[in-house]
Amino acid sequence: MKMLFGCSLCLLLLLCCLSGLESRTVHLDTCSVNIHIHELRKYYSDIRSNAITGDSEIGVKLLDKSLIKDVEEGQTCCFMRLLLRFYVERVFSNYASSEPQQQRCSSALANAFVSIRRDIHKCHCHCGEETQRKIDSLHAEFIKLQVNQAAQKAVGELDTLLQWLEGLVHKIHP
């Protein structure tokens, strides 16, 4: 009986915790994906301070707000797919923190990006030249820096990407 009560209590606690991680449907042109914005924010908030204080390239900006703000109509899906690819393949694979808790959070964030990326791959995103040029300029700025420093900077600038995603969610759920 005691064990059954303990299991029930654990299940109730788990359900309460998961309710805060609600998924939001984000519409990316003709594609829709579920994104756990609160989960992304939580993991990012746990590593943000370390990423920003470790950034010594103050004058360089990789993920400028104008880059995201001016995504052409019909290119949101493609832009998001390419941006996730950049973060999964170039940024998170080169980002390192000396603190174990921060490593777990950055791994969880990377895994969330992989999951979103997997969902977007099911979509048929068509990329225009201008969108590809924007992502190419992001890569060009990234390779100007030493790879670990570039990854540090890109993680520190994730707030720009998360704000953009939240904007997409609010277009649907005001």
C-alpha atoms as a PDB file:
ATOM      1  CA  MET A   1       0.000   0.000   0.000  1.00  0.00           C
ATOM      2  CA  LYS A   2       2.818   2.373   0.939  1.00  0.00           C
ATOM      3  CA  MET A   3       4.588   1.644  -2.360  1.00  0.00           C
ATOM      4  CA  LEU A   4       1.398   2.312  -4.338  1.00  0.00           C
ATOM      5  CA  PHE A   5       0.943   5.656  -2.559  1.00  0.00           C
ATOM      6  CA  GLY A   6       4.589   6.563  -3.234  1.00  0.00           C
ATOM      7  CA  CYS A   7       4.245   5.727  -6.945  1.00  0.00           C
ATOM      8  CA  SER A   8       1.016   7.713  -7.187  1.00  0.00           C
ATOM      9  CA  LEU A   9       2.664  10.687  -5.523  1.00  0.00           C
ATOM     10  CA  CYS A  10       5.636  10.484  -7.931  1.00  0.00           C
ATOM     11  CA  LEU A  11       3.279  10.306 -10.923  1.00  0.00           C
ATOM     12  CA  LEU A  12       1.328  13.329  -9.697  1.00  0.00           C
ATOM     13  CA  LEU A  13       4.548  15.279  -9.170  1.00  0.00           C
ATOM     14  CA  LEU A  14       5.774  14.325 -12.657  1.00  0.00           C
ATOM     15  CA  LEU A  15       2.497  15.466 -14.242  1.00  0.00           C
ATOM     16  CA  CYS A  16       2.700  18.796 -12.423  1.00  0.00           C
ATOM     17  CA  CYS A  17       6.242  19.337 -13.652  1.00  0.00           C
ATOM     18  CA  LEU A  18       5.404  18.419 -17.231  1.00  0.00           C
ATOM     19  CA  SER A  19       2.440  20.778 -17.394  1.00  0.00           C
ATOM     20  CA  GLY A  20       4.868  23.710 -17.333  1.00  0.00           C
ATOM     21  CA  LEU A  21       6.673  22.316 -20.366  1.00  0.00           C
ATOM     22  CA  GLU A  22       3.722  22.722 -22.675  1.00  0.00           C
ATOM     23  CA  SER A  23       4.364  22.473 -26.340  1.00  0.00           C
ATOM     24  CA  ARG A  24       3.403  25.231 -28.745  1.00  0.00           C
ATOM     25  CA  THR A  25       2.697  24.723 -32.392  1.00  0.00           C
ATOM     26  CA  VAL A  26       4.833  27.001 -34.498  1.00  0.00           C
ATOM     27  CA  HIS A  27       3.755  27.547 -38.080  1.00  0.00           C
ATOM     28  CA  LEU A  28       6.649  27.795 -40.475  1.00  0.00           C
ATOM     29  CA  ASP A  29       4.994  28.564 -43.809  1.00  0.00           C
ATOM     30  CA  THR A  30       3.160  25.352 -44.797  1.00  0.00           C
ATOM     31  CA  CYS A  31       4.858  23.372 -42.039  1.00  0.00           C
ATOM     32  CA  SER A  32       3.895  23.142 -38.377  1.00  0.00           C
ATOM     33  CA  VAL A  33       6.158  21.899 -35.593  1.00  0.00           C
ATOM     34  CA  ASN A  34       5.712  21.607 -31.854  1.00  0.00           C
ATOM     35  CA  ILE A  35       8.287  23.478 -29.833  1.00  0.00           C
ATOM     36  CA  HIS A  36       8.650  23.512 -26.059  1.00  0.00           C
ATOM     37  CA  ILE A  37       9.546  27.196 -25.757  1.00  0.00           C
ATOM     38  CA  HIS A  38       9.571  27.128 -21.935  1.00  0.00           C
ATOM     39  CA  GLU A  39      11.970  24.169 -21.960  1.00  0.00           C
ATOM     40  CA  LEU A  40      14.306  25.937 -24.401  1.00  0.00           C
ATOM     41  CA  ARG A  41      14.191  29.094 -22.270  1.00  0.00           C
ATOM     42  CA  LYS A  42      14.913  27.165 -19.083  1.00  0.00           C
ATOM     43  CA  TYR A  43      17.956  25.372 -20.483  1.00  0.00           C
ATOM     44  CA  TYR A  44      19.220  28.555 -22.085  1.00  0.00           C
ATOM     45  CA  SER A  45      18.792  30.594 -18.901  1.00  0.00           C
ATOM     46  CA  ASP A  46      20.954  28.015 -17.093  1.00  0.00           C
ATOM     47  CA  ILE A  47      23.883  28.527 -19.509  1.00  0.00           C
ATOM     48  CA  ARG A  48      23.334  32.112 -20.697  1.00  0.00           C
ATOM     49  CA  SER A  49      25.454  33.868 -18.093  1.00  0.00           C
ATOM     50  CA  ASN A  50      28.420  31.570 -18.649  1.00  0.00           C
ATOM     51  CA  ALA A  51      28.135  31.889 -22.438  1.00  0.00           C
ATOM     52  CA  ILE A  52      27.984  35.681 -22.344  1.00  0.00           C
ATOM     53  CA  THR A  53      30.779  36.183 -19.811  1.00  0.00           C
ATOM     54  CA  GLY A  54      33.001  33.801 -21.784  1.00  0.00           C
ATOM     55  CA  ASP A  55      32.534  35.829 -24.971  1.00  0.00           C
ATOM     56  CA  SER A  56      35.605  37.978 -25.534  1.00  0.00           C
ATOM     57  CA  GLU A  57      34.660  39.016 -29.093  1.00  0.00           C
ATOM     58  CA  ILE A  58      32.340  41.853 -28.082  1.00  0.00           C
ATOM     59  CA  GLY A  59      32.496  43.675 -31.438  1.00  0.00           C
ATOM     60  CA  VAL A  60      31.391  40.661 -33.480  1.00  0.00           C
ATOM     61  CA  LYS A  61      27.733  39.750 -33.959  1.00  0.00           C
ATOM     62  CA  LEU A  62      26.801  36.397 -35.493  1.00  0.00           C
ATOM     63  CA  LEU A  63      23.036  36.262 -35.109  1.00  0.00           C
ATOM     64  CA  ASP A  64      21.974  39.839 -35.681  1.00  0.00           C
ATOM     65  CA  LYS A  65      18.296  40.641 -35.118  1.00  0.00           C
ATOM     66  CA  SER A  66      18.067  42.129 -38.618  1.00  0.00           C
ATOM     67  CA  LEU A  67      19.100  38.754 -40.034  1.00  0.00           C
ATOM     68  CA  ILE A  68      16.049  37.134 -38.456  1.00  0.00           C
ATOM     69  CA  LYS A  69      13.645  40.063 -38.700  1.00  0.00           C
ATOM     70  CA  ASP A  70      13.844  40.272 -42.476  1.00  0.00           C
ATOM     71  CA  VAL A  71      13.163  36.620 -43.332  1.00  0.00           C
ATOM     72  CA  GLU A  72      11.195  36.680 -46.572  1.00  0.00           C
ATOM     73  CA  GLU A  73       7.626  35.435 -46.622  1.00  0.00           C
ATOM     74  CA  GLY A  74       7.528  31.741 -47.448  1.00  0.00           C
ATOM     75  CA  GLN A  75      11.107  31.251 -46.197  1.00  0.00           C
ATOM     76  CA  THR A  76      10.500  30.784 -42.467  1.00  0.00           C
ATOM     77  CA  CYS A  77      10.617  26.977 -42.662  1.00  0.00           C
ATOM     78  CA  CYS A  78      13.830  26.982 -44.694  1.00  0.00           C
ATOM     79  CA  PHE A  79      15.469  29.623 -42.515  1.00  0.00           C
ATOM     80  CA  MET A  80      14.604  27.710 -39.348  1.00  0.00           C
ATOM     81  CA  ARG A  81      15.831  24.411 -40.825  1.00  0.00           C
ATOM     82  CA  LEU A  82      19.166  25.952 -41.852  1.00  0.00           C
ATOM     83  CA  LEU A  83      19.551  27.798 -38.545  1.00  0.00           C
ATOM     84  CA  LEU A  84      18.922  24.608 -36.559  1.00  0.00           C
ATOM     85  CA  ARG A  85      21.431  22.786 -38.730  1.00  0.00           C
ATOM     86  CA  PHE A  86      23.990  25.490 -37.994  1.00  0.00           C
ATOM     87  CA  TYR A  87      23.420  25.258 -34.241  1.00  0.00           C
ATOM     88  CA  VAL A  88      23.378  21.454 -34.101  1.00  0.00           C
ATOM     89  CA  GLU A  89      26.338  20.820 -36.403  1.00  0.00           C
ATOM     90  CA  ARG A  90      28.606  23.803 -35.776  1.00  0.00           C
ATOM     91  CA  VAL A  91      27.707  25.423 -32.477  1.00  0.00           C
ATOM     92  CA  PHE A  92      26.699  22.766 -29.947  1.00  0.00           C
ATOM     93  CA  SER A  93      29.315  20.323 -31.205  1.00  0.00           C
ATOM     94  CA  ASN A  94      32.003  22.917 -30.343  1.00  0.00           C
ATOM     95  CA  TYR A  95      30.531  24.500 -27.218  1.00  0.00           C
ATOM     96  CA  ALA A  96      32.075  23.405 -23.940  1.00  0.00           C
ATOM     97  CA  SER A  97      31.629  24.447 -20.362  1.00  0.00           C
ATOM     98  CA  SER A  98      33.844  23.404 -17.484  1.00  0.00           C
ATOM     99  CA  GLU A  99      30.844  23.039 -15.164  1.00  0.00           C
ATOM    100  CA  PRO A 100      28.968  19.699 -15.277  1.00  0.00           C
ATOM    101  CA  GLN A 101      25.543  21.332 -14.691  1.00  0.00           C
ATOM    102  CA  GLN A 102      26.127  23.697 -17.600  1.00  0.00           C
ATOM    103  CA  GLN A 103      27.223  20.786 -19.807  1.00  0.00           C
ATOM    104  CA  ARG A 104      23.985  18.943 -19.005  1.00  0.00           C
ATOM    105  CA  CYS A 105      21.927  22.023 -19.853  1.00  0.00           C
ATOM    106  CA  SER A 106      23.740  22.679 -23.118  1.00  0.00           C
ATOM    107  CA  SER A 107      23.326  18.992 -24.045  1.00  0.00           C
ATOM    108  CA  ALA A 108      19.625  19.160 -23.237  1.00  0.00           C
ATOM    109  CA  LEU A 109      19.302  22.319 -25.344  1.00  0.00           C
ATOM    110  CA  ALA A 110      21.183  20.672 -28.221  1.00  0.00           C
ATOM    111  CA  ASN A 111      18.934  17.603 -27.978  1.00  0.00           C
ATOM    112  CA  ALA A 112      15.843  19.828 -28.095  1.00  0.00           C
ATOM    113  CA  PHE A 113      17.216  21.474 -31.253  1.00  0.00           C
ATOM    114  CA  VAL A 114      17.854  18.024 -32.770  1.00  0.00           C
ATOM    115  CA  SER A 115      14.261  17.054 -32.027  1.00  0.00           C
ATOM    116  CA  ILE A 116      12.857  20.217 -33.647  1.00  0.00           C
ATOM    117  CA  ARG A 117      15.192  19.711 -36.590  1.00  0.00           C
ATOM    118  CA  ARG A 118      13.919  16.143 -37.033  1.00  0.00           C
ATOM    119  CA  ASP A 119      10.337  17.446 -37.173  1.00  0.00           C
ATOM    120  CA  ILE A 120      11.231  20.135 -39.703  1.00  0.00           C
ATOM    121  CA  HIS A 121      12.923  17.561 -41.939  1.00  0.00           C
ATOM    122  CA  LYS A 122       9.474  16.015 -42.440  1.00  0.00           C
ATOM    123  CA  CYS A 123       8.374  19.281 -44.053  1.00  0.00           C
ATOM    124  CA  HIS A 124       9.049  20.338 -47.599  1.00  0.00           C
ATOM    125  CA  CYS A 125      10.855  23.626 -47.113  1.00  0.00           C
ATOM    126  CA  HIS A 126      11.973  25.387 -50.246  1.00  0.00           C
ATOM    127  CA  CYS A 127      14.953  27.696 -49.888  1.00  0.00           C
ATOM    128  CA  GLY A 128      15.367  30.892 -51.829  1.00  0.00           C
ATOM    129  CA  GLU A 129      18.686  32.487 -52.695  1.00  0.00           C
ATOM    130  CA  GLU A 130      18.303  35.322 -50.186  1.00  0.00           C
ATOM    131  CA  THR A 131      17.678  32.887 -47.321  1.00  0.00           C
ATOM    132  CA  GLN A 132      20.708  30.843 -48.273  1.00  0.00           C
ATOM    133  CA  ARG A 133      22.792  34.047 -48.462  1.00  0.00           C
ATOM    134  CA  LYS A 134      21.738  34.989 -44.922  1.00  0.00           C
ATOM    135  CA  ILE A 135      22.804  31.629 -43.550  1.00  0.00           C
ATOM    136  CA  ASP A 136      26.024  31.754 -45.580  1.00  0.00           C
ATOM    137  CA  SER A 137      26.829  35.145 -44.001  1.00  0.00           C
ATOM    138  CA  LEU A 138      26.253  33.613 -40.558  1.00  0.00           C
ATOM    139  CA  HIS A 139      28.697  30.799 -41.399  1.00  0.00           C
ATOM    140  CA  ALA A 140      31.210  33.321 -42.771  1.00  0.00           C
ATOM    141  CA  GLU A 141      31.189  35.309 -39.515  1.00  0.00           C
ATOM    142  CA  PHE A 142      31.431  32.075 -37.514  1.00  0.00           C
ATOM    143  CA  ILE A 143      34.577  30.872 -39.317  1.00  0.00           C
ATOM    144  CA  LYS A 144      36.318  34.231 -38.857  1.00  0.00           C
ATOM    145  CA  LEU A 145      36.629  33.353 -35.164  1.00  0.00           C
ATOM    146  CA  GLN A 146      38.408  30.505 -33.447  1.00  0.00           C
ATOM    147  CA  VAL A 147      35.854  27.646 -33.412  1.00  0.00           C
ATOM    148  CA  ASN A 148      35.388  27.417 -29.623  1.00  0.00           C
ATOM    149  CA  GLN A 149      35.082  31.203 -29.336  1.00  0.00           C
ATOM    150  CA  ALA A 150      32.584  31.259 -32.220  1.00  0.00           C
ATOM    151  CA  ALA A 151      30.509  28.543 -30.550  1.00  0.00           C
ATOM    152  CA  GLN A 152      30.606  30.483 -27.266  1.00  0.00           C
ATOM    153  CA  LYS A 153      29.387  33.611 -29.047  1.00  0.00           C
ATOM    154  CA  ALA A 154      26.628  31.754 -30.922  1.00  0.00           C
ATOM    155  CA  VAL A 155      25.331  30.220 -27.682  1.00  0.00           C
ATOM    156  CA  GLY A 156      25.404  33.653 -26.034  1.00  0.00           C
ATOM    157  CA  GLU A 157      23.286  35.007 -28.900  1.00  0.00           C
ATOM    158  CA  LEU A 158      20.625  32.288 -28.664  1.00  0.00           C
ATOM    159  CA  ASP A 159      18.305  34.788 -27.004  1.00  0.00           C
ATOM    160  CA  THR A 160      17.766  36.361 -30.444  1.00  0.00           C
ATOM    161  CA  LEU A 161      16.639  33.025 -31.894  1.00  0.00           C
ATOM    162  CA  LEU A 162      14.395  32.267 -28.924  1.00  0.00           C
ATOM    163  CA  GLN A 163      12.757  35.707 -29.140  1.00  0.00           C
ATOM    164  CA  TRP A 164      12.075  35.103 -32.835  1.00  0.00           C
ATOM    165  CA  LEU A 165      10.508  31.700 -32.064  1.00  0.00           C
ATOM    166  CA  GLU A 166       8.365  33.250 -29.348  1.00  0.00           C
ATOM    167  CA  GLY A 167       7.245  35.850 -31.885  1.00  0.00           C
ATOM    168  CA  LEU A 168       6.166  33.075 -34.228  1.00  0.00           C
ATOM    169  CA  VAL A 169       4.205  31.426 -31.426  1.00  0.00           C
ATOM    170  CA  HIS A 170       2.503  34.715 -30.495  1.00  0.00           C
ATOM    171  CA  LYS A 171       1.336  35.230 -34.077  1.00  0.00           C
ATOM    172  CA  ILE A 172      -0.800  32.136 -33.589  1.00  0.00           C
ATOM    173  CA  HIS A 173      -1.526  32.366 -29.829  1.00  0.00           C
ATOM    174  CA  PRO A 174      -1.789  36.068 -28.942  1.00  0.00           C
END
